[in-house]
Amino acid sequence: MGRRAFAPTPEMRRAVFSFRHGQMGHERIAARLGVTRQTLVKHFAEELEAASDAVQAELLEAMWRAAKRGKAVAIIWLARRFERARPRAEAEKPRSG
């Protein structure tokens, strides 16, 4: 008789999002859920990605607010981040034929 298939619950999905949003690593999250890292990534990819995206968005918003208040460190950080992003944005632009 084989092992039962893993079935994530809504509560587990919320927990994974919260743990990852709090910058907890995959290994620690998997251990908290009692699953392997592979199972975590396979069944919770959306939550892991969404939480990482949310953290990035919050950081960008906080730095933007600080830059608007004239905080030099935030201005420099954003300028460097946008400079690194420019080549990617240029590469992703559709080319007219």
N, C-alpha and C. Protein backbone atom coordinates (compact mmCIF):
# COMPACT_ATOMS: atom_id res chain seq x y z
N MET A 1 0.84 -1.17 0.00
CA MET A 1 0.00 0.00 0.00
C MET A 1 0.89 1.24 0.00
N GLY A 2 0.65 2.17 -0.91
CA GLY A 2 1.48 3.35 -1.07
C GLY A 2 1.15 4.45 -0.08
N ARG A 3 2.00 5.42 -0.07
CA ARG A 3 1.82 6.57 0.79
C ARG A 3 0.69 7.44 0.25
N ARG A 4 -0.08 8.04 1.15
CA ARG A 4 -1.15 8.95 0.72
C ARG A 4 -0.54 10.20 0.11
N ALA A 5 -1.22 10.72 -0.90
CA ALA A 5 -0.74 11.93 -1.56
C ALA A 5 -0.85 13.12 -0.60
N PHE A 6 0.12 13.99 -0.67
CA PHE A 6 0.11 15.18 0.17
C PHE A 6 -0.95 16.14 -0.33
N ALA A 7 -1.75 16.65 0.58
CA ALA A 7 -2.81 17.59 0.21
C ALA A 7 -2.71 18.82 1.12
N PRO A 8 -2.20 19.94 0.60
CA PRO A 8 -2.08 21.13 1.42
C PRO A 8 -3.44 21.71 1.80
N THR A 9 -3.54 22.19 3.02
CA THR A 9 -4.78 22.81 3.49
C THR A 9 -4.68 24.33 3.31
N PRO A 10 -5.81 25.02 3.31
CA PRO A 10 -5.77 26.49 3.24
C PRO A 10 -4.96 27.09 4.40
N GLU A 11 -5.06 26.48 5.56
CA GLU A 11 -4.29 26.96 6.72
C GLU A 11 -2.79 26.85 6.46
N MET A 12 -2.37 25.74 5.86
CA MET A 12 -0.95 25.56 5.52
C MET A 12 -0.51 26.60 4.50
N ARG A 13 -1.36 26.88 3.53
CA ARG A 13 -1.02 27.87 2.50
C ARG A 13 -0.82 29.26 3.11
N ARG A 14 -1.70 29.62 4.04
CA ARG A 14 -1.56 30.91 4.72
C ARG A 14 -0.27 30.94 5.55
N ALA A 15 0.03 29.82 6.22
CA ALA A 15 1.23 29.76 7.04
C ALA A 15 2.48 29.90 6.18
N VAL A 16 2.52 29.21 5.05
CA VAL A 16 3.69 29.29 4.17
C VAL A 16 3.89 30.73 3.70
N PHE A 17 2.80 31.38 3.29
CA PHE A 17 2.91 32.78 2.86
C PHE A 17 3.46 33.63 4.00
N SER A 18 2.92 33.46 5.20
CA SER A 18 3.37 34.27 6.35
C SER A 18 4.82 34.00 6.70
N PHE A 19 5.21 32.73 6.73
CA PHE A 19 6.59 32.38 7.06
C PHE A 19 7.56 32.98 6.04
N ARG A 20 7.24 32.82 4.77
CA ARG A 20 8.13 33.33 3.72
C ARG A 20 8.14 34.85 3.72
N HIS A 21 6.99 35.45 3.97
CA HIS A 21 6.90 36.91 4.04
C HIS A 21 7.80 37.41 5.16
N GLY A 22 7.92 36.64 6.21
CA GLY A 22 8.80 36.98 7.32
C GLY A 22 10.25 36.61 7.08
N GLN A 23 10.57 36.25 5.84
CA GLN A 23 11.94 35.94 5.41
C GLN A 23 12.47 34.62 5.95
N MET A 24 11.58 33.72 6.34
CA MET A 24 12.00 32.40 6.77
C MET A 24 12.42 31.61 5.52
N GLY A 25 13.48 30.85 5.62
CA GLY A 25 13.99 30.06 4.50
C GLY A 25 13.15 28.82 4.23
N HIS A 26 13.34 28.28 3.03
CA HIS A 26 12.58 27.09 2.62
C HIS A 26 12.77 25.91 3.57
N GLU A 27 14.00 25.67 3.99
CA GLU A 27 14.28 24.53 4.88
C GLU A 27 13.51 24.66 6.19
N ARG A 28 13.52 25.85 6.76
CA ARG A 28 12.82 26.06 8.04
C ARG A 28 11.31 25.96 7.87
N ILE A 29 10.80 26.49 6.76
CA ILE A 29 9.35 26.39 6.53
C ILE A 29 8.95 24.93 6.37
N ALA A 30 9.71 24.19 5.59
CA ALA A 30 9.41 22.77 5.39
C ALA A 30 9.43 22.02 6.73
N ALA A 31 10.41 22.32 7.55
CA ALA A 31 10.50 21.66 8.86
C ALA A 31 9.28 22.00 9.72
N ARG A 32 8.84 23.26 9.69
CA ARG A 32 7.65 23.65 10.47
C ARG A 32 6.41 22.90 10.02
N LEU A 33 6.33 22.63 8.70
CA LEU A 33 5.16 21.91 8.17
C LEU A 33 5.31 20.40 8.27
N GLY A 34 6.52 19.95 8.53
CA GLY A 34 6.76 18.50 8.60
C GLY A 34 6.80 17.86 7.21
N VAL A 35 7.31 18.61 6.23
CA VAL A 35 7.43 18.10 4.86
C VAL A 35 8.87 18.31 4.39
N THR A 36 9.20 17.73 3.26
CA THR A 36 10.53 17.95 2.70
C THR A 36 10.54 19.28 1.95
N ARG A 37 11.74 19.78 1.69
CA ARG A 37 11.88 21.02 0.90
C ARG A 37 11.27 20.82 -0.48
N GLN A 38 11.47 19.65 -1.05
CA GLN A 38 10.93 19.34 -2.38
C GLN A 38 9.39 19.41 -2.37
N THR A 39 8.77 18.85 -1.34
CA THR A 39 7.30 18.90 -1.23
C THR A 39 6.84 20.34 -1.06
N LEU A 40 7.56 21.11 -0.25
CA LEU A 40 7.21 22.51 -0.05
C LEU A 40 7.20 23.26 -1.39
N VAL A 41 8.28 23.13 -2.13
CA VAL A 41 8.40 23.85 -3.40
C VAL A 41 7.37 23.37 -4.41
N LYS A 42 7.10 22.08 -4.42
CA LYS A 42 6.15 21.51 -5.38
C LYS A 42 4.72 21.98 -5.11
N HIS A 43 4.32 21.98 -3.85
CA HIS A 43 2.92 22.24 -3.51
C HIS A 43 2.61 23.68 -3.09
N PHE A 44 3.66 24.46 -2.81
CA PHE A 44 3.44 25.82 -2.31
C PHE A 44 4.19 26.87 -3.13
N ALA A 45 4.47 26.58 -4.38
CA ALA A 45 5.24 27.51 -5.23
C ALA A 45 4.58 28.88 -5.31
N GLU A 46 3.27 28.90 -5.47
CA GLU A 46 2.55 30.18 -5.59
C GLU A 46 2.71 31.03 -4.33
N GLU A 47 2.55 30.41 -3.17
CA GLU A 47 2.65 31.14 -1.90
C GLU A 47 4.08 31.65 -1.68
N LEU A 48 5.06 30.81 -2.01
CA LEU A 48 6.45 31.21 -1.85
C LEU A 48 6.79 32.41 -2.73
N GLU A 49 6.35 32.36 -3.98
CA GLU A 49 6.63 33.46 -4.91
C GLU A 49 5.86 34.73 -4.53
N ALA A 50 4.58 34.57 -4.18
CA ALA A 50 3.77 35.73 -3.83
C ALA A 50 4.32 36.43 -2.60
N ALA A 51 4.79 35.68 -1.62
CA ALA A 51 5.34 36.28 -0.41
C ALA A 51 6.63 37.03 -0.72
N SER A 52 7.48 36.44 -1.56
CA SER A 52 8.72 37.12 -1.94
C SER A 52 8.42 38.41 -2.70
N ASP A 53 7.44 38.34 -3.60
CA ASP A 53 7.04 39.54 -4.34
C ASP A 53 6.50 40.61 -3.40
N ALA A 54 5.72 40.20 -2.42
CA ALA A 54 5.14 41.16 -1.46
C ALA A 54 6.23 41.85 -0.66
N VAL A 55 7.24 41.11 -0.24
CA VAL A 55 8.34 41.70 0.53
C VAL A 55 9.08 42.71 -0.34
N GLN A 56 9.35 42.35 -1.59
CA GLN A 56 10.05 43.27 -2.50
C GLN A 56 9.23 44.55 -2.69
N ALA A 57 7.92 44.39 -2.88
CA ALA A 57 7.06 45.55 -3.09
C ALA A 57 7.06 46.45 -1.85
N GLU A 58 6.98 45.87 -0.67
CA GLU A 58 6.99 46.66 0.56
C GLU A 58 8.31 47.41 0.73
N LEU A 59 9.41 46.73 0.41
CA LEU A 59 10.71 47.38 0.50
C LEU A 59 10.81 48.55 -0.47
N LEU A 60 10.38 48.33 -1.71
CA LEU A 60 10.41 49.42 -2.69
C LEU A 60 9.54 50.60 -2.26
N GLU A 61 8.36 50.30 -1.74
CA GLU A 61 7.47 51.38 -1.28
C GLU A 61 8.10 52.17 -0.14
N ALA A 62 8.71 51.47 0.80
CA ALA A 62 9.34 52.14 1.94
C ALA A 62 10.51 53.01 1.48
N MET A 63 11.31 52.48 0.57
CA MET A 63 12.44 53.26 0.07
C MET A 63 11.96 54.45 -0.76
N TRP A 64 10.90 54.27 -1.51
CA TRP A 64 10.35 55.37 -2.30
C TRP A 64 9.88 56.51 -1.38
N ARG A 65 9.16 56.13 -0.31
CA ARG A 65 8.69 57.13 0.64
C ARG A 65 9.87 57.87 1.28
N ALA A 66 10.91 57.12 1.65
CA ALA A 66 12.09 57.72 2.26
C ALA A 66 12.80 58.65 1.27
N ALA A 67 12.89 58.22 0.02
CA ALA A 67 13.53 59.05 -1.00
C ALA A 67 12.76 60.34 -1.21
N LYS A 68 11.44 60.26 -1.20
CA LYS A 68 10.61 61.46 -1.37
C LYS A 68 10.79 62.44 -0.21
N ARG A 69 11.17 61.91 0.95
CA ARG A 69 11.44 62.78 2.11
C ARG A 69 12.87 63.32 2.08
N GLY A 70 13.62 62.96 1.02
CA GLY A 70 14.97 63.48 0.86
C GLY A 70 16.06 62.65 1.49
N LYS A 71 15.77 61.43 1.90
CA LYS A 71 16.78 60.58 2.52
C LYS A 71 17.78 60.11 1.45
N ALA A 72 19.02 60.55 1.59
CA ALA A 72 20.04 60.28 0.58
C ALA A 72 20.28 58.79 0.36
N VAL A 73 20.32 58.01 1.41
CA VAL A 73 20.57 56.58 1.27
C VAL A 73 19.48 55.94 0.42
N ALA A 74 18.24 56.32 0.64
CA ALA A 74 17.14 55.76 -0.13
C ALA A 74 17.22 56.18 -1.59
N ILE A 75 17.58 57.42 -1.83
CA ILE A 75 17.71 57.92 -3.20
C ILE A 75 18.79 57.13 -3.94
N ILE A 76 19.93 56.95 -3.29
CA ILE A 76 21.04 56.21 -3.92
C ILE A 76 20.63 54.76 -4.14
N TRP A 77 20.01 54.13 -3.16
CA TRP A 77 19.59 52.73 -3.28
C TRP A 77 18.63 52.55 -4.46
N LEU A 78 17.64 53.44 -4.56
CA LEU A 78 16.68 53.35 -5.66
C LEU A 78 17.35 53.60 -7.00
N ALA A 79 18.23 54.59 -7.07
CA ALA A 79 18.93 54.87 -8.33
C ALA A 79 19.72 53.66 -8.80
N ARG A 80 20.42 53.02 -7.88
CA ARG A 80 21.20 51.83 -8.25
C ARG A 80 20.28 50.69 -8.68
N ARG A 81 19.20 50.52 -7.97
CA ARG A 81 18.27 49.45 -8.32
C ARG A 81 17.67 49.69 -9.70
N PHE A 82 17.29 50.92 -10.00
CA PHE A 82 16.70 51.22 -11.31
C PHE A 82 17.73 51.09 -12.42
N GLU A 83 18.98 51.44 -12.14
CA GLU A 83 20.04 51.26 -13.15
C GLU A 83 20.23 49.79 -13.50
N ARG A 84 20.18 48.93 -12.49
CA ARG A 84 20.31 47.48 -12.75
C ARG A 84 19.10 46.94 -13.49
N ALA A 85 17.93 47.52 -13.26
CA ALA A 85 16.70 47.04 -13.89
C ALA A 85 16.58 47.51 -15.33
N ARG A 86 17.22 48.61 -15.69
CA ARG A 86 17.08 49.18 -17.03
C ARG A 86 17.45 48.20 -18.14
N PRO A 87 18.59 47.51 -18.08
CA PRO A 87 18.91 46.57 -19.16
C PRO A 87 17.86 45.48 -19.34
N ARG A 88 17.30 45.00 -18.25
CA ARG A 88 16.24 43.99 -18.35
C ARG A 88 15.01 44.56 -19.02
N ALA A 89 14.63 45.78 -18.64
CA ALA A 89 13.45 46.41 -19.22
C ALA A 89 13.67 46.65 -20.71
N GLU A 90 14.87 47.06 -21.09
CA GLU A 90 15.17 47.28 -22.50
C GLU A 90 15.08 45.96 -23.28
N ALA A 91 15.56 44.89 -22.68
CA ALA A 91 15.55 43.58 -23.35
C ALA A 91 14.12 43.04 -23.49
N GLU A 92 13.24 43.43 -22.58
CA GLU A 92 11.87 42.92 -22.60
C GLU A 92 10.94 43.73 -23.50
N LYS A 93 11.41 44.88 -23.99
CA LYS A 93 10.56 45.69 -24.86
C LYS A 93 10.28 44.96 -26.16
N PRO A 94 9.02 45.01 -26.62
CA PRO A 94 8.73 44.39 -27.92
C PRO A 94 9.41 45.17 -29.03
N ARG A 95 9.94 44.45 -29.98
CA ARG A 95 10.63 45.09 -31.11
C ARG A 95 9.67 45.27 -32.25
N SER A 96 9.68 46.46 -32.81
CA SER A 96 8.80 46.70 -33.96
C SER A 96 9.51 46.21 -35.22
N GLY A 97 8.70 45.63 -36.10
CA GLY A 97 9.24 44.92 -37.22
C GLY A 97 9.65 45.60 -38.41
